[in-house]
């Protein structure tokens, strides 16, 4: 069964707190665990970049919940893919704080097909998924916030 993935960005609704983001991530993690979906939600407190991966039906259900969420707006799908390795197997869902400029750079990076490169040349511009991985790596193995 091929792995499916979707990445999108959006803007938080006015007044959304990081405590509320934490609760949303916990709720998503509970649903994603059952659906076999893993992923990460990056936020600077105003914008989101989320990446989901898993079986087609699980990703479809998780994405439908996201589309219908009232915690964000101005949603833009950055890319989707079928096949390839699981890139964020660490959590069924977890939110991570990132600096606004780092998030902006990740969002405007190339997400077409969620390009996977076996080897990266030092002169190549990182893809969106590679930039997201750079932002996630420092948090691997750390406990999530309260």
N, C-alpha and C. Protein backbone atom coordinates (compact mmCIF):
# COMPACT_ATOMS: atom_id res chain seq x y z
N UNK A 1 0.85 -1.17 0.00
CA UNK A 1 0.00 0.00 0.00
C UNK A 1 0.90 1.24 0.00
N UNK A 2 0.79 2.07 -1.04
CA UNK A 2 1.68 3.25 -1.11
C UNK A 2 1.32 4.28 -0.05
N UNK A 3 2.34 4.99 0.36
CA UNK A 3 2.19 6.06 1.32
C UNK A 3 1.70 7.31 0.58
N UNK A 4 0.75 8.00 1.16
CA UNK A 4 0.25 9.25 0.59
C UNK A 4 0.64 10.39 1.52
N UNK A 5 0.86 11.56 0.95
CA UNK A 5 1.26 12.72 1.74
C UNK A 5 0.64 13.99 1.18
N UNK A 6 0.36 14.92 2.09
CA UNK A 6 -0.16 16.24 1.72
C UNK A 6 0.53 17.28 2.60
N UNK A 7 0.88 18.40 2.01
CA UNK A 7 1.41 19.55 2.75
C UNK A 7 0.55 20.76 2.39
N UNK A 8 0.25 21.58 3.39
CA UNK A 8 -0.51 22.80 3.14
C UNK A 8 -0.03 23.88 4.10
N UNK A 9 -0.39 25.11 3.81
CA UNK A 9 -0.16 26.22 4.73
C UNK A 9 -1.48 26.95 4.92
N UNK A 10 -1.59 27.67 6.02
CA UNK A 10 -2.80 28.44 6.31
C UNK A 10 -2.46 29.50 7.34
N UNK A 11 -3.45 30.32 7.65
CA UNK A 11 -3.29 31.38 8.63
C UNK A 11 -4.19 31.08 9.82
N UNK A 12 -3.68 31.26 11.04
CA UNK A 12 -4.48 31.05 12.25
C UNK A 12 -5.57 32.11 12.33
N UNK A 13 -6.72 31.72 12.85
CA UNK A 13 -7.77 32.71 13.09
C UNK A 13 -7.32 33.63 14.21
N UNK A 14 -7.83 34.83 14.22
CA UNK A 14 -7.47 35.81 15.25
C UNK A 14 -7.81 35.25 16.63
N UNK A 15 -6.86 35.41 17.54
CA UNK A 15 -7.08 35.00 18.92
C UNK A 15 -6.76 33.56 19.25
N UNK A 16 -6.33 32.78 18.25
CA UNK A 16 -5.98 31.38 18.51
C UNK A 16 -4.70 31.33 19.35
N UNK A 17 -4.77 30.68 20.50
CA UNK A 17 -3.61 30.62 21.40
C UNK A 17 -2.80 29.35 21.15
N UNK A 18 -1.56 29.35 21.63
CA UNK A 18 -0.74 28.14 21.50
C UNK A 18 -1.30 27.01 22.34
N UNK A 19 -1.99 27.33 23.43
CA UNK A 19 -2.68 26.29 24.21
C UNK A 19 -3.75 25.62 23.34
N UNK A 20 -4.50 26.41 22.59
CA UNK A 20 -5.52 25.85 21.70
C UNK A 20 -4.87 25.04 20.58
N UNK A 21 -3.75 25.50 20.05
CA UNK A 21 -3.02 24.73 19.03
C UNK A 21 -2.59 23.40 19.62
N UNK A 22 -2.11 23.40 20.86
CA UNK A 22 -1.71 22.17 21.53
C UNK A 22 -2.89 21.21 21.65
N UNK A 23 -4.04 21.71 22.03
CA UNK A 23 -5.23 20.86 22.15
C UNK A 23 -5.66 20.32 20.79
N UNK A 24 -5.61 21.15 19.76
CA UNK A 24 -5.94 20.69 18.40
C UNK A 24 -4.99 19.57 17.96
N UNK A 25 -3.70 19.73 18.25
CA UNK A 25 -2.71 18.72 17.87
C UNK A 25 -2.96 17.41 18.63
N UNK A 26 -3.31 17.49 19.90
CA UNK A 26 -3.62 16.28 20.68
C UNK A 26 -4.83 15.55 20.10
N UNK A 27 -5.86 16.32 19.75
CA UNK A 27 -7.06 15.73 19.17
C UNK A 27 -6.74 15.08 17.82
N UNK A 28 -5.95 15.77 17.00
CA UNK A 28 -5.56 15.21 15.70
C UNK A 28 -4.73 13.95 15.89
N UNK A 29 -3.83 13.96 16.87
CA UNK A 29 -2.98 12.79 17.12
C UNK A 29 -3.83 11.57 17.47
N UNK A 30 -4.88 11.76 18.26
CA UNK A 30 -5.75 10.64 18.63
C UNK A 30 -6.43 10.04 17.40
N UNK A 31 -6.92 10.90 16.50
CA UNK A 31 -7.56 10.41 15.28
C UNK A 31 -6.52 9.79 14.33
N UNK A 32 -5.37 10.44 14.20
CA UNK A 32 -4.34 9.96 13.27
C UNK A 32 -3.77 8.62 13.69
N UNK A 33 -3.66 8.39 14.99
CA UNK A 33 -3.14 7.12 15.49
C UNK A 33 -3.99 5.96 14.98
N UNK A 34 -5.28 6.12 15.03
CA UNK A 34 -6.21 5.09 14.54
C UNK A 34 -6.10 4.94 13.03
N UNK A 35 -5.92 6.06 12.33
CA UNK A 35 -5.88 6.07 10.86
C UNK A 35 -4.51 5.71 10.28
N UNK A 36 -3.48 5.56 11.12
CA UNK A 36 -2.14 5.25 10.62
C UNK A 36 -1.43 6.44 10.01
N UNK A 37 -1.84 7.65 10.38
CA UNK A 37 -1.29 8.87 9.82
C UNK A 37 -0.27 9.46 10.79
N UNK A 38 0.83 9.96 10.25
CA UNK A 38 1.81 10.69 11.04
C UNK A 38 2.01 12.06 10.42
N UNK A 39 2.61 12.97 11.19
CA UNK A 39 2.85 14.28 10.62
C UNK A 39 3.26 15.30 11.63
N UNK A 40 3.35 16.52 11.15
CA UNK A 40 3.82 17.62 11.98
C UNK A 40 3.12 18.91 11.55
N UNK A 41 2.89 19.78 12.54
CA UNK A 41 2.30 21.09 12.32
C UNK A 41 3.31 22.12 12.81
N UNK A 42 3.84 22.89 11.89
CA UNK A 42 4.80 23.95 12.22
C UNK A 42 4.04 25.26 12.30
N UNK A 43 4.34 26.06 13.32
CA UNK A 43 3.66 27.34 13.44
C UNK A 43 4.58 28.40 14.03
N UNK A 44 4.36 29.63 13.57
CA UNK A 44 5.04 30.79 14.15
C UNK A 44 4.07 31.58 15.03
N UNK A 45 2.90 30.99 15.29
CA UNK A 45 1.86 31.65 16.08
C UNK A 45 0.82 32.34 15.23
N UNK A 46 1.15 32.60 13.97
CA UNK A 46 0.21 33.24 13.04
C UNK A 46 -0.09 32.39 11.82
N UNK A 47 0.91 31.66 11.38
CA UNK A 47 0.75 30.82 10.18
C UNK A 47 1.05 29.38 10.53
N UNK A 48 0.51 28.48 9.70
CA UNK A 48 0.74 27.05 9.86
C UNK A 48 1.33 26.47 8.59
N UNK A 49 2.14 25.47 8.76
CA UNK A 49 2.59 24.60 7.68
C UNK A 49 2.43 23.20 8.25
N UNK A 50 1.57 22.41 7.62
CA UNK A 50 1.34 21.06 8.12
C UNK A 50 1.63 20.04 7.03
N UNK A 51 2.20 18.93 7.48
CA UNK A 51 2.53 17.81 6.60
C UNK A 51 1.92 16.56 7.21
N UNK A 52 1.17 15.80 6.39
CA UNK A 52 0.53 14.55 6.81
C UNK A 52 0.98 13.45 5.88
N UNK A 53 1.12 12.23 6.43
CA UNK A 53 1.48 11.08 5.60
C UNK A 53 0.86 9.82 6.18
N UNK A 54 0.56 8.89 5.29
CA UNK A 54 -0.01 7.63 5.74
C UNK A 54 -0.79 6.97 4.62
N UNK A 55 -1.62 5.97 4.97
CA UNK A 55 -2.43 5.32 3.96
C UNK A 55 -3.43 6.30 3.35
N UNK A 56 -3.78 6.07 2.10
CA UNK A 56 -4.64 7.01 1.37
C UNK A 56 -5.91 7.37 2.13
N UNK A 57 -6.62 6.39 2.63
CA UNK A 57 -7.88 6.66 3.33
C UNK A 57 -7.64 7.45 4.61
N UNK A 58 -6.59 7.12 5.36
CA UNK A 58 -6.28 7.85 6.59
C UNK A 58 -5.95 9.30 6.32
N UNK A 59 -5.14 9.55 5.30
CA UNK A 59 -4.78 10.93 4.95
C UNK A 59 -6.00 11.68 4.45
N UNK A 60 -6.84 11.01 3.67
CA UNK A 60 -8.06 11.66 3.17
C UNK A 60 -8.95 12.11 4.33
N UNK A 61 -9.14 11.23 5.32
CA UNK A 61 -9.98 11.57 6.47
C UNK A 61 -9.36 12.69 7.31
N UNK A 62 -8.06 12.61 7.55
CA UNK A 62 -7.39 13.65 8.33
C UNK A 62 -7.48 15.00 7.61
N UNK A 63 -7.27 14.99 6.31
CA UNK A 63 -7.30 16.23 5.54
C UNK A 63 -8.70 16.83 5.51
N UNK A 64 -9.72 15.99 5.47
CA UNK A 64 -11.10 16.49 5.50
C UNK A 64 -11.37 17.20 6.82
N UNK A 65 -10.86 16.66 7.92
CA UNK A 65 -11.02 17.32 9.23
C UNK A 65 -10.32 18.68 9.22
N UNK A 66 -9.15 18.73 8.61
CA UNK A 66 -8.38 19.98 8.55
C UNK A 66 -9.11 21.03 7.72
N UNK A 67 -9.61 20.62 6.58
CA UNK A 67 -10.33 21.55 5.70
C UNK A 67 -11.53 22.16 6.42
N UNK A 68 -12.20 21.36 7.25
CA UNK A 68 -13.40 21.82 7.95
C UNK A 68 -13.11 22.51 9.28
N UNK A 69 -11.86 22.60 9.66
CA UNK A 69 -11.50 23.22 10.93
C UNK A 69 -11.74 24.73 10.89
N UNK A 70 -12.18 25.26 11.99
CA UNK A 70 -12.42 26.71 12.10
C UNK A 70 -11.26 27.42 12.79
N UNK A 71 -10.16 26.72 13.00
CA UNK A 71 -9.02 27.33 13.69
C UNK A 71 -8.06 28.03 12.73
N UNK A 72 -8.32 27.88 11.42
CA UNK A 72 -7.44 28.51 10.43
C UNK A 72 -8.23 28.93 9.21
N UNK A 73 -7.58 29.72 8.36
CA UNK A 73 -8.21 30.22 7.13
C UNK A 73 -7.14 30.41 6.06
N UNK A 74 -7.57 30.78 4.88
CA UNK A 74 -6.65 31.02 3.77
C UNK A 74 -5.75 29.82 3.50
N UNK A 75 -6.34 28.65 3.51
CA UNK A 75 -5.60 27.41 3.33
C UNK A 75 -5.15 27.25 1.88
N UNK A 76 -3.87 26.88 1.70
CA UNK A 76 -3.31 26.65 0.37
C UNK A 76 -2.58 25.31 0.39
N UNK A 77 -2.98 24.41 -0.49
CA UNK A 77 -2.28 23.14 -0.59
C UNK A 77 -0.96 23.37 -1.31
N UNK A 78 0.13 22.94 -0.69
CA UNK A 78 1.46 23.13 -1.25
C UNK A 78 1.88 21.96 -2.14
N UNK A 79 1.46 20.77 -1.80
CA UNK A 79 1.82 19.60 -2.59
C UNK A 79 1.22 18.34 -2.03
N UNK A 80 1.23 17.31 -2.87
CA UNK A 80 0.79 15.99 -2.44
C UNK A 80 1.56 14.96 -3.23
N UNK A 81 1.66 13.78 -2.67
CA UNK A 81 2.39 12.72 -3.36
C UNK A 81 1.85 11.36 -2.98
N UNK A 82 2.25 10.39 -3.77
CA UNK A 82 1.93 9.00 -3.51
C UNK A 82 3.20 8.20 -3.71
N UNK A 83 3.54 7.40 -2.73
CA UNK A 83 4.78 6.62 -2.80
C UNK A 83 5.89 7.33 -2.04
N UNK A 84 7.02 6.70 -1.95
CA UNK A 84 8.15 7.27 -1.22
C UNK A 84 8.15 6.86 0.24
N UNK A 85 9.17 7.27 0.95
CA UNK A 85 9.31 6.87 2.36
C UNK A 85 8.48 7.74 3.30
N UNK A 86 8.22 7.21 4.48
CA UNK A 86 7.58 8.01 5.53
C UNK A 86 8.65 8.96 6.06
N UNK A 87 8.38 10.24 6.04
CA UNK A 87 9.39 11.23 6.42
C UNK A 87 9.32 11.67 7.87
N UNK A 88 8.13 11.64 8.46
CA UNK A 88 7.95 12.06 9.85
C UNK A 88 7.21 10.98 10.63
N UNK A 89 7.86 9.84 10.87
CA UNK A 89 7.20 8.73 11.54
C UNK A 89 7.14 8.88 13.07
N UNK A 90 7.64 9.99 13.59
CA UNK A 90 7.86 10.16 15.02
C UNK A 90 6.59 10.35 15.82
N UNK A 91 5.58 11.01 15.24
CA UNK A 91 4.38 11.36 15.99
C UNK A 91 3.15 11.21 15.11
N UNK A 92 1.99 10.79 15.70
CA UNK A 92 0.76 10.81 14.92
C UNK A 92 0.37 12.25 14.56
N UNK A 93 0.77 13.20 15.38
CA UNK A 93 0.71 14.63 15.07
C UNK A 93 1.37 15.36 16.23
N UNK A 94 2.12 16.37 15.87
CA UNK A 94 2.74 17.22 16.89
C UNK A 94 2.94 18.60 16.29
N UNK A 95 2.69 19.62 17.10
CA UNK A 95 2.97 20.98 16.65
C UNK A 95 4.33 21.39 17.18
N UNK A 96 5.01 22.20 16.39
CA UNK A 96 6.34 22.68 16.76
C UNK A 96 6.43 24.17 16.49
N UNK A 97 7.03 24.92 17.41
CA UNK A 97 7.21 26.35 17.18
C UNK A 97 8.40 26.61 16.26
N UNK A 98 8.22 27.53 15.33
CA UNK A 98 9.32 27.90 14.44
C UNK A 98 9.34 29.42 14.29
N UNK A 99 10.49 29.92 13.93
CA UNK A 99 10.63 31.35 13.70
C UNK A 99 9.86 31.76 12.44
N UNK A 100 9.27 32.94 12.44
CA UNK A 100 8.49 33.38 11.26
C UNK A 100 9.26 33.30 9.94
N UNK A 101 10.50 33.72 9.92
CA UNK A 101 11.26 33.70 8.66
C UNK A 101 11.55 32.27 8.21
N UNK A 102 11.84 31.38 9.14
CA UNK A 102 12.06 29.97 8.78
C UNK A 102 10.80 29.35 8.20
N UNK A 103 9.66 29.68 8.79
CA UNK A 103 8.39 29.17 8.28
C UNK A 103 8.11 29.73 6.89
N UNK A 104 8.35 31.02 6.71
CA UNK A 104 8.12 31.64 5.40
C UNK A 104 8.96 30.97 4.32
N UNK A 105 10.23 30.72 4.62
CA UNK A 105 11.11 30.08 3.65
C UNK A 105 10.63 28.67 3.32
N UNK A 106 10.21 27.93 4.33
CA UNK A 106 9.71 26.57 4.09
C UNK A 106 8.44 26.61 3.22
N UNK A 107 7.56 27.54 3.50
CA UNK A 107 6.30 27.63 2.75
C UNK A 107 6.56 27.94 1.27
N UNK A 108 7.48 28.86 0.97
CA UNK A 108 7.70 29.26 -0.41
C UNK A 108 8.67 28.34 -1.16
N UNK A 109 9.16 27.31 -0.49
CA UNK A 109 10.05 26.35 -1.14
C UNK A 109 9.27 25.46 -2.11
N UNK A 110 9.98 24.66 -2.88
CA UNK A 110 9.38 23.79 -3.88
C UNK A 110 8.75 22.56 -3.23
N UNK A 111 7.42 22.48 -3.28
CA UNK A 111 6.68 21.34 -2.72
C UNK A 111 6.11 20.44 -3.81
N UNK A 112 6.41 20.72 -5.07
CA UNK A 112 5.85 19.91 -6.16
C UNK A 112 6.16 18.44 -5.96
N UNK A 113 5.09 17.65 -5.83
CA UNK A 113 5.27 16.22 -5.70
C UNK A 113 6.01 15.81 -4.44
N UNK A 114 6.23 16.76 -3.53
CA UNK A 114 6.99 16.47 -2.30
C UNK A 114 8.27 15.74 -2.64
N UNK A 115 9.01 16.32 -3.56
CA UNK A 115 10.21 15.71 -4.14
C UNK A 115 11.09 15.03 -3.10
N UNK A 116 11.43 13.79 -3.39
CA UNK A 116 12.33 13.02 -2.54
C UNK A 116 13.61 12.77 -3.32
N UNK A 117 14.71 13.19 -2.75
CA UNK A 117 15.99 12.97 -3.42
C UNK A 117 16.83 12.04 -2.54
N UNK A 118 17.34 10.99 -3.14
CA UNK A 118 18.18 10.05 -2.39
C UNK A 118 19.50 10.71 -1.99
N UNK A 119 20.01 11.54 -2.88
CA UNK A 119 21.26 12.24 -2.60
C UNK A 119 21.04 13.72 -2.85
N UNK A 120 21.60 14.52 -1.99
CA UNK A 120 21.45 15.97 -2.13
C UNK A 120 22.82 16.56 -2.42
N UNK A 121 22.89 17.28 -3.51
CA UNK A 121 24.12 18.00 -3.87
C UNK A 121 24.15 19.28 -3.05
N UNK A 122 25.29 19.63 -2.53
CA UNK A 122 25.44 20.81 -1.69
C UNK A 122 25.00 22.09 -2.39
N UNK A 123 25.03 22.11 -3.72
CA UNK A 123 24.64 23.29 -4.49
C UNK A 123 23.14 23.35 -4.79
N UNK A 124 22.39 22.29 -4.47
CA UNK A 124 20.96 22.27 -4.75
C UNK A 124 20.20 23.07 -3.70
N UNK A 125 19.18 23.76 -4.14
CA UNK A 125 18.29 24.48 -3.23
C UNK A 125 17.40 23.44 -2.55
N UNK A 126 17.28 23.48 -1.21
CA UNK A 126 16.44 22.50 -0.52
C UNK A 126 14.98 22.60 -0.95
N UNK A 127 14.32 21.45 -1.04
CA UNK A 127 12.88 21.41 -1.34
C UNK A 127 12.11 21.76 -0.07
N UNK A 128 10.81 21.92 -0.22
CA UNK A 128 9.97 22.22 0.94
C UNK A 128 10.05 21.14 2.01
N UNK A 129 10.01 19.89 1.59
CA UNK A 129 10.06 18.79 2.56
C UNK A 129 11.42 18.74 3.25
N UNK A 130 12.48 19.07 2.53
CA UNK A 130 13.81 19.10 3.14
C UNK A 130 13.91 20.25 4.16
N UNK A 131 13.31 21.39 3.82
CA UNK A 131 13.32 22.52 4.77
C UNK A 131 12.49 22.17 6.01
N UNK A 132 11.35 21.52 5.81
CA UNK A 132 10.53 21.10 6.95
C UNK A 132 11.31 20.13 7.84
N UNK A 133 12.02 19.21 7.23
CA UNK A 133 12.82 18.25 8.00
C UNK A 133 13.89 18.97 8.82
N UNK A 134 14.50 19.99 8.26
CA UNK A 134 15.51 20.78 9.01
C UNK A 134 14.89 21.43 10.25
N UNK A 135 13.64 21.87 10.13
CA UNK A 135 12.97 22.51 11.26
C UNK A 135 12.51 21.50 12.31
N UNK A 136 12.20 20.29 11.88
CA UNK A 136 11.72 19.24 12.77
C UNK A 136 12.85 18.53 13.51
N UNK A 137 13.98 18.33 12.84
CA UNK A 137 15.07 17.52 13.41
C UNK A 137 15.46 17.87 14.84
N UNK A 138 15.56 19.14 15.23
CA UNK A 138 15.95 19.44 16.62
C UNK A 138 14.96 18.94 17.68
N UNK A 139 13.72 18.64 17.27
CA UNK A 139 12.68 18.23 18.22
C UNK A 139 12.53 16.71 18.34
N UNK A 140 13.16 15.97 17.48
CA UNK A 140 13.04 14.51 17.51
C UNK A 140 13.60 14.00 18.82
N UNK A 141 12.81 13.20 19.51
CA UNK A 141 13.24 12.64 20.79
C UNK A 141 12.88 13.50 21.99
N UNK A 142 12.38 14.71 21.76
CA UNK A 142 11.97 15.57 22.87
C UNK A 142 10.50 15.35 23.19
N UNK A 143 10.15 15.54 24.43
CA UNK A 143 8.76 15.43 24.85
C UNK A 143 7.97 16.63 24.34
N UNK A 144 6.70 16.40 23.94
CA UNK A 144 5.88 17.53 23.50
C UNK A 144 5.51 18.45 24.66
N UNK A 145 5.15 19.69 24.36
CA UNK A 145 4.76 20.62 25.42
C UNK A 145 3.46 20.15 26.09
N UNK A 146 3.26 20.54 27.37
CA UNK A 146 2.10 20.24 28.21
C UNK A 146 0.92 19.86 27.49
